[in-house]
Amino acid sequence: MNASGARRDQGLTLRVRGDRGTCHVMESFRPGNTDPIALRPTPHRMGVIMIRFSVLLVLAVVGLALIYSR
């Protein structure tokens, strides 16, 4: 159960937890910096992933073939 004052985005919030009725007072806040949050970098394209996989697979096969031939 959350009970707060007239403004819900700032001020103190009373929070009641569980059947024991323990109360916690939390203060909400706003950051002083209003710059937008940076977006995550775009994920790699499927073609790049397939090329890397193919190269690593060829290297593994060549390495195992060299080890087996000795």
PDB file of N, CA and C in Angstrom:
ATOM      1  N   MET A   1       0.843  -1.165   0.000  1.00  0.00           N
ATOM      2  CA  MET A   1       0.000   0.000   0.000  1.00  0.00           C
ATOM      3  C   MET A   1       0.892   1.233   0.000  1.00  0.00           C
ATOM      4  N   ASN A   2       0.682   2.088  -0.958  1.00  0.00           N
ATOM      5  CA  ASN A   2       1.441   3.324  -1.053  1.00  0.00           C
ATOM      6  C   ASN A   2       0.528   4.497  -0.754  1.00  0.00           C
ATOM      7  N   ALA A   3       0.942   5.336   0.157  1.00  0.00           N
ATOM      8  CA  ALA A   3       0.200   6.551   0.460  1.00  0.00           C
ATOM      9  C   ALA A   3       1.167   7.707   0.328  1.00  0.00           C
ATOM     10  N   SER A   4       0.751   8.740  -0.383  1.00  0.00           N
ATOM     11  CA  SER A   4       1.644   9.878  -0.553  1.00  0.00           C
ATOM     12  C   SER A   4       0.839  11.161  -0.540  1.00  0.00           C
ATOM     13  N   GLY A   5       1.566  12.270  -0.625  1.00  0.00           N
ATOM     14  CA  GLY A   5       0.934  13.576  -0.598  1.00  0.00           C
ATOM     15  C   GLY A   5       0.252  13.891  -1.907  1.00  0.00           C
ATOM     16  N   ALA A   6       0.016  15.191  -2.144  1.00  0.00           N
ATOM     17  CA  ALA A   6      -0.703  15.621  -3.335  1.00  0.00           C
ATOM     18  C   ALA A   6       0.100  15.334  -4.602  1.00  0.00           C
ATOM     19  N   ARG A   7       1.421  15.502  -4.550  1.00  0.00           N
ATOM     20  CA  ARG A   7       2.258  15.225  -5.715  1.00  0.00           C
ATOM     21  C   ARG A   7       2.913  13.871  -5.543  1.00  0.00           C
ATOM     22  N   ARG A   8       2.711  12.977  -6.520  1.00  0.00           N
ATOM     23  CA  ARG A   8       3.215  11.615  -6.398  1.00  0.00           C
ATOM     24  C   ARG A   8       4.654  11.480  -6.876  1.00  0.00           C
ATOM     25  N   ASP A   9       5.193  12.464  -7.589  1.00  0.00           N
ATOM     26  CA  ASP A   9       6.531  12.315  -8.132  1.00  0.00           C
ATOM     27  C   ASP A   9       7.614  12.869  -7.227  1.00  0.00           C
ATOM     28  N   GLN A  10       7.256  13.625  -6.206  1.00  0.00           N
ATOM     29  CA  GLN A  10       8.242  14.160  -5.288  1.00  0.00           C
ATOM     30  C   GLN A  10       7.683  14.095  -3.872  1.00  0.00           C
ATOM     31  N   GLY A  11       8.567  14.144  -2.921  1.00  0.00           N
ATOM     32  CA  GLY A  11       8.133  14.152  -1.532  1.00  0.00           C
ATOM     33  C   GLY A  11       8.339  12.815  -0.868  1.00  0.00           C
ATOM     34  N   LEU A  12       7.726  12.638   0.276  1.00  0.00           N
ATOM     35  CA  LEU A  12       7.868  11.402   1.034  1.00  0.00           C
ATOM     36  C   LEU A  12       6.751  10.434   0.684  1.00  0.00           C
ATOM     37  N   THR A  13       7.097   9.172   0.671  1.00  0.00           N
ATOM     38  CA  THR A  13       6.128   8.130   0.387  1.00  0.00           C
ATOM     39  C   THR A  13       6.152   7.144   1.539  1.00  0.00           C
ATOM     40  N   LEU A  14       4.986   6.823   2.061  1.00  0.00           N
ATOM     41  CA  LEU A  14       4.868   5.849   3.140  1.00  0.00           C
ATOM     42  C   LEU A  14       4.551   4.507   2.515  1.00  0.00           C
ATOM     43  N   ARG A  15       5.317   3.514   2.888  1.00  0.00           N
ATOM     44  CA  ARG A  15       5.141   2.197   2.300  1.00  0.00           C
ATOM     45  C   ARG A  15       4.941   1.185   3.417  1.00  0.00           C
ATOM     46  N   VAL A  16       3.851   0.424   3.368  1.00  0.00           N
ATOM     47  CA  VAL A  16       3.556  -0.591   4.375  1.00  0.00           C
ATOM     48  C   VAL A  16       3.799  -1.952   3.740  1.00  0.00           C
ATOM     49  N   ARG A  17       4.598  -2.813   4.425  1.00  0.00           N
ATOM     50  CA  ARG A  17       4.933  -4.118   3.884  1.00  0.00           C
ATOM     51  C   ARG A  17       4.417  -5.227   4.771  1.00  0.00           C
ATOM     52  N   GLY A  18       3.937  -6.266   4.137  1.00  0.00           N
ATOM     53  CA  GLY A  18       3.621  -7.517   4.811  1.00  0.00           C
ATOM     54  C   GLY A  18       2.499  -7.424   5.832  1.00  0.00           C
ATOM     55  N   ASP A  19       2.280  -8.539   6.497  1.00  0.00           N
ATOM     56  CA  ASP A  19       1.205  -8.610   7.473  1.00  0.00           C
ATOM     57  C   ASP A  19       1.628  -8.046   8.825  1.00  0.00           C
ATOM     58  N   ARG A  20       2.922  -7.812   9.021  1.00  0.00           N
ATOM     59  CA  ARG A  20       3.393  -7.254  10.286  1.00  0.00           C
ATOM     60  C   ARG A  20       3.197  -5.743  10.346  1.00  0.00           C
ATOM     61  N   GLY A  21       2.961  -5.125   9.206  1.00  0.00           N
ATOM     62  CA  GLY A  21       2.712  -3.701   9.171  1.00  0.00           C
ATOM     63  C   GLY A  21       3.948  -2.852   9.363  1.00  0.00           C
ATOM     64  N   THR A  22       5.096  -3.347   8.942  1.00  0.00           N
ATOM     65  CA  THR A  22       6.305  -2.541   9.069  1.00  0.00           C
ATOM     66  C   THR A  22       6.242  -1.392   8.077  1.00  0.00           C
ATOM     67  N   CYS A  23       6.657  -0.224   8.487  1.00  0.00           N
ATOM     68  CA  CYS A  23       6.577   0.967   7.649  1.00  0.00           C
ATOM     69  C   CYS A  23       7.975   1.418   7.254  1.00  0.00           C
ATOM     70  N   HIS A  24       8.106   1.838   6.030  1.00  0.00           N
ATOM     71  CA  HIS A  24       9.347   2.398   5.523  1.00  0.00           C
ATOM     72  C   HIS A  24       9.016   3.740   4.891  1.00  0.00           C
ATOM     73  N   VAL A  25       9.772   4.750   5.215  1.00  0.00           N
ATOM     74  CA  VAL A  25       9.579   6.061   4.604  1.00  0.00           C
ATOM     75  C   VAL A  25      10.674   6.246   3.569  1.00  0.00           C
ATOM     76  N   MET A  26      10.255   6.468   2.319  1.00  0.00           N
ATOM     77  CA  MET A  26      11.201   6.638   1.227  1.00  0.00           C
ATOM     78  C   MET A  26      11.024   8.025   0.636  1.00  0.00           C
ATOM     79  N   GLU A  27      12.131   8.653   0.282  1.00  0.00           N
ATOM     80  CA  GLU A  27      12.061   9.967  -0.336  1.00  0.00           C
ATOM     81  C   GLU A  27      12.401   9.809  -1.809  1.00  0.00           C
ATOM     82  N   SER A  28      11.526  10.280  -2.671  1.00  0.00           N
ATOM     83  CA  SER A  28      11.807  10.218  -4.097  1.00  0.00           C
ATOM     84  C   SER A  28      12.610  11.441  -4.493  1.00  0.00           C
ATOM     85  N   PHE A  29      13.360  11.326  -5.564  1.00  0.00           N
ATOM     86  CA  PHE A  29      14.214  12.431  -5.989  1.00  0.00           C
ATOM     87  C   PHE A  29      14.304  12.437  -7.497  1.00  0.00           C
ATOM     88  N   ARG A  30      14.721  13.552  -8.020  1.00  0.00           N
ATOM     89  CA  ARG A  30      14.949  13.707  -9.454  1.00  0.00           C
ATOM     90  C   ARG A  30      16.415  14.029  -9.673  1.00  0.00           C
ATOM     91  N   PRO A  31      17.011  13.530 -10.750  1.00  0.00           N
ATOM     92  CA  PRO A  31      18.420  13.840 -10.996  1.00  0.00           C
ATOM     93  C   PRO A  31      18.590  15.303 -11.376  1.00  0.00           C
ATOM     94  N   GLY A  32      19.732  15.867 -11.029  1.00  0.00           N
ATOM     95  CA  GLY A  32      20.020  17.241 -11.385  1.00  0.00           C
ATOM     96  C   GLY A  32      20.372  17.393 -12.855  1.00  0.00           C
ATOM     97  N   ASN A  33      20.768  16.297 -13.500  1.00  0.00           N
ATOM     98  CA  ASN A  33      21.162  16.310 -14.897  1.00  0.00           C
ATOM     99  C   ASN A  33      19.997  15.781 -15.730  1.00  0.00           C
ATOM    100  N   THR A  34      19.515  16.562 -16.679  1.00  0.00           N
ATOM    101  CA  THR A  34      18.367  16.135 -17.487  1.00  0.00           C
ATOM    102  C   THR A  34      18.778  15.650 -18.868  1.00  0.00           C
ATOM    103  N   ASP A  35      20.068  15.326 -19.051  1.00  0.00           N
ATOM    104  CA  ASP A  35      20.509  14.788 -20.335  1.00  0.00           C
ATOM    105  C   ASP A  35      19.850  13.435 -20.572  1.00  0.00           C
ATOM    106  N   PRO A  36      19.520  13.110 -21.832  1.00  0.00           N
ATOM    107  CA  PRO A  36      18.905  11.813 -22.107  1.00  0.00           C
ATOM    108  C   PRO A  36      19.882  10.669 -21.840  1.00  0.00           C
ATOM    109  N   ILE A  37      19.343   9.528 -21.509  1.00  0.00           N
ATOM    110  CA  ILE A  37      20.158   8.337 -21.269  1.00  0.00           C
ATOM    111  C   ILE A  37      20.660   7.828 -22.618  1.00  0.00           C
ATOM    112  N   ALA A  38      21.933   7.516 -22.696  1.00  0.00           N
ATOM    113  CA  ALA A  38      22.523   7.045 -23.947  1.00  0.00           C
ATOM    114  C   ALA A  38      21.936   5.684 -24.319  1.00  0.00           C
ATOM    115  N   LEU A  39      21.698   5.509 -25.594  1.00  0.00           N
ATOM    116  CA  LEU A  39      21.156   4.238 -26.080  1.00  0.00           C
ATOM    117  C   LEU A  39      22.255   3.194 -26.159  1.00  0.00           C
ATOM    118  N   ARG A  40      21.844   1.938 -26.092  1.00  0.00           N
ATOM    119  CA  ARG A  40      22.817   0.853 -26.241  1.00  0.00           C
ATOM    120  C   ARG A  40      23.305   0.807 -27.681  1.00  0.00           C
ATOM    121  N   PRO A  41      24.547   0.380 -27.889  1.00  0.00           N
ATOM    122  CA  PRO A  41      25.023   0.263 -29.264  1.00  0.00           C
ATOM    123  C   PRO A  41      24.223  -0.812 -30.007  1.00  0.00           C
ATOM    124  N   THR A  42      24.124  -0.641 -31.311  1.00  0.00           N
ATOM    125  CA  THR A  42      23.351  -1.600 -32.101  1.00  0.00           C
ATOM    126  C   THR A  42      24.056  -2.950 -32.109  1.00  0.00           C
ATOM    127  N   PRO A  43      23.303  -4.034 -32.078  1.00  0.00           N
ATOM    128  CA  PRO A  43      23.929  -5.362 -32.100  1.00  0.00           C
ATOM    129  C   PRO A  43      24.544  -5.640 -33.479  1.00  0.00           C
ATOM    130  N   HIS A  44      25.485  -6.584 -33.511  1.00  0.00           N
ATOM    131  CA  HIS A  44      26.137  -6.941 -34.767  1.00  0.00           C
ATOM    132  C   HIS A  44      25.112  -7.540 -35.722  1.00  0.00           C
ATOM    133  N   ARG A  45      25.341  -7.302 -36.981  1.00  0.00           N
ATOM    134  CA  ARG A  45      24.450  -7.871 -37.992  1.00  0.00           C
ATOM    135  C   ARG A  45      24.708  -9.364 -38.120  1.00  0.00           C
ATOM    136  N   MET A  46      23.715 -10.065 -38.623  1.00  0.00           N
ATOM    137  CA  MET A  46      23.812 -11.520 -38.752  1.00  0.00           C
ATOM    138  C   MET A  46      24.940 -11.921 -39.701  1.00  0.00           C
ATOM    139  N   GLY A  47      25.199 -11.148 -40.738  1.00  0.00           N
ATOM    140  CA  GLY A  47      26.275 -11.475 -41.683  1.00  0.00           C
ATOM    141  C   GLY A  47      27.643 -11.456 -41.014  1.00  0.00           C
ATOM    142  N   VAL A  48      27.875 -10.462 -40.148  1.00  0.00           N
ATOM    143  CA  VAL A  48      29.155 -10.368 -39.438  1.00  0.00           C
ATOM    144  C   VAL A  48      29.316 -11.561 -38.512  1.00  0.00           C
ATOM    145  N   ILE A  49      28.256 -11.939 -37.837  1.00  0.00           N
ATOM    146  CA  ILE A  49      28.316 -13.085 -36.926  1.00  0.00           C
ATOM    147  C   ILE A  49      28.610 -14.369 -37.700  1.00  0.00           C
ATOM    148  N   MET A  50      27.970 -14.536 -38.865  1.00  0.00           N
ATOM    149  CA  MET A  50      28.197 -15.746 -39.669  1.00  0.00           C
ATOM    150  C   MET A  50      29.630 -15.789 -40.207  1.00  0.00           C
ATOM    151  N   ILE A  51      30.180 -14.653 -40.614  1.00  0.00           N
ATOM    152  CA  ILE A  51      31.558 -14.631 -41.117  1.00  0.00           C
ATOM    153  C   ILE A  51      32.530 -14.983 -39.994  1.00  0.00           C
ATOM    154  N   ARG A  52      32.334 -14.412 -38.814  1.00  0.00           N
ATOM    155  CA  ARG A  52      33.211 -14.732 -37.680  1.00  0.00           C
ATOM    156  C   ARG A  52      33.113 -16.209 -37.322  1.00  0.00           C
ATOM    157  N   PHE A  53      31.899 -16.745 -37.306  1.00  0.00           N
ATOM    158  CA  PHE A  53      31.721 -18.164 -36.996  1.00  0.00           C
ATOM    159  C   PHE A  53      32.432 -19.039 -38.030  1.00  0.00           C
ATOM    160  N   SER A  54      32.270 -18.688 -39.311  1.00  0.00           N
ATOM    161  CA  SER A  54      32.895 -19.492 -40.369  1.00  0.00           C
ATOM    162  C   SER A  54      34.422 -19.457 -40.266  1.00  0.00           C
ATOM    163  N   VAL A  55      34.981 -18.282 -40.002  1.00  0.00           N
ATOM    164  CA  VAL A  55      36.433 -18.171 -39.882  1.00  0.00           C
ATOM    165  C   VAL A  55      36.929 -18.979 -38.691  1.00  0.00           C
ATOM    166  N   LEU A  56      36.262 -18.864 -37.568  1.00  0.00           N
ATOM    167  CA  LEU A  56      36.684 -19.637 -36.393  1.00  0.00           C
ATOM    168  C   LEU A  56      36.528 -21.139 -36.616  1.00  0.00           C
ATOM    169  N   LEU A  57      35.490 -21.548 -37.323  1.00  0.00           N
ATOM    170  CA  LEU A  57      35.298 -22.970 -37.622  1.00  0.00           C
ATOM    171  C   LEU A  57      36.409 -23.483 -38.528  1.00  0.00           C
ATOM    172  N   VAL A  58      36.778 -22.714 -39.553  1.00  0.00           N
ATOM    173  CA  VAL A  58      37.857 -23.123 -40.456  1.00  0.00           C
ATOM    174  C   VAL A  58      39.174 -23.207 -39.692  1.00  0.00           C
ATOM    175  N   LEU A  59      39.454 -22.219 -38.827  1.00  0.00           N
ATOM    176  CA  LEU A  59      40.680 -22.264 -38.029  1.00  0.00           C
ATOM    177  C   LEU A  59      40.710 -23.480 -37.116  1.00  0.00           C
ATOM    178  N   ALA A  60      39.585 -23.820 -36.514  1.00  0.00           N
ATOM    179  CA  ALA A  60      39.532 -24.986 -35.629  1.00  0.00           C
ATOM    180  C   ALA A  60      39.760 -26.278 -36.421  1.00  0.00           C
ATOM    181  N   VAL A  61      39.147 -26.392 -37.596  1.00  0.00           N
ATOM    182  CA  VAL A  61      39.312 -27.604 -38.410  1.00  0.00           C
ATOM    183  C   VAL A  61      40.757 -27.725 -38.888  1.00  0.00           C
ATOM    184  N   VAL A  62      41.350 -26.622 -39.324  1.00  0.00           N
ATOM    185  CA  VAL A  62      42.746 -26.664 -39.777  1.00  0.00           C
ATOM    186  C   VAL A  62      43.665 -27.017 -38.613  1.00  0.00           C
ATOM    187  N   GLY A  63      43.431 -26.430 -37.451  1.00  0.00           N
ATOM    188  CA  GLY A  63      44.251 -26.742 -36.284  1.00  0.00           C
ATOM    189  C   GLY A  63      44.132 -28.201 -35.883  1.00  0.00           C
ATOM    190  N   LEU A  64      42.939 -28.739 -35.861  1.00  0.00           N
ATOM    191  CA  LEU A  64      42.747 -30.147 -35.510  1.00  0.00           C
ATOM    192  C   LEU A  64      43.343 -31.076 -36.570  1.00  0.00           C
ATOM    193  N   ALA A  65      43.258 -30.671 -37.849  1.00  0.00           N
ATOM    194  CA  ALA A  65      43.844 -31.487 -38.922  1.00  0.00           C
ATOM    195  C   ALA A  65      45.365 -31.513 -38.785  1.00  0.00           C
ATOM    196  N   LEU A  66      45.977 -30.392 -38.426  1.00  0.00           N
ATOM    197  CA  LEU A  66      47.430 -30.367 -38.227  1.00  0.00           C
ATOM    198  C   LEU A  66      47.831 -31.229 -37.036  1.00  0.00           C
ATOM    199  N   ILE A  67      47.064 -31.162 -35.979  1.00  0.00           N
ATOM    200  CA  ILE A  67      47.371 -31.985 -34.805  1.00  0.00           C
ATOM    201  C   ILE A  67      47.207 -33.475 -35.118  1.00  0.00           C
ATOM    202  N   TYR A  68      46.169 -33.825 -35.879  1.00  0.00           N
ATOM    203  CA  TYR A  68      45.894 -35.228 -36.205  1.00  0.00           C
ATOM    204  C   TYR A  68      46.944 -35.803 -37.174  1.00  0.00           C
ATOM    205  N   SER A  69      47.469 -34.965 -38.073  1.00  0.00           N
ATOM    206  CA  SER A  69      48.411 -35.460 -39.072  1.00  0.00           C
ATOM    207  C   SER A  69      49.784 -35.746 -38.497  1.00  0.00           C
ATOM    208  N   ARG A  70      50.115 -35.275 -37.335  1.00  0.00           N
ATOM    209  CA  ARG A  70      51.430 -35.518 -36.747  1.00  0.00           C
ATOM    210  C   ARG A  70      51.526 -36.829 -36.104  1.00  0.00           C
TER     211      ARG A  70
END
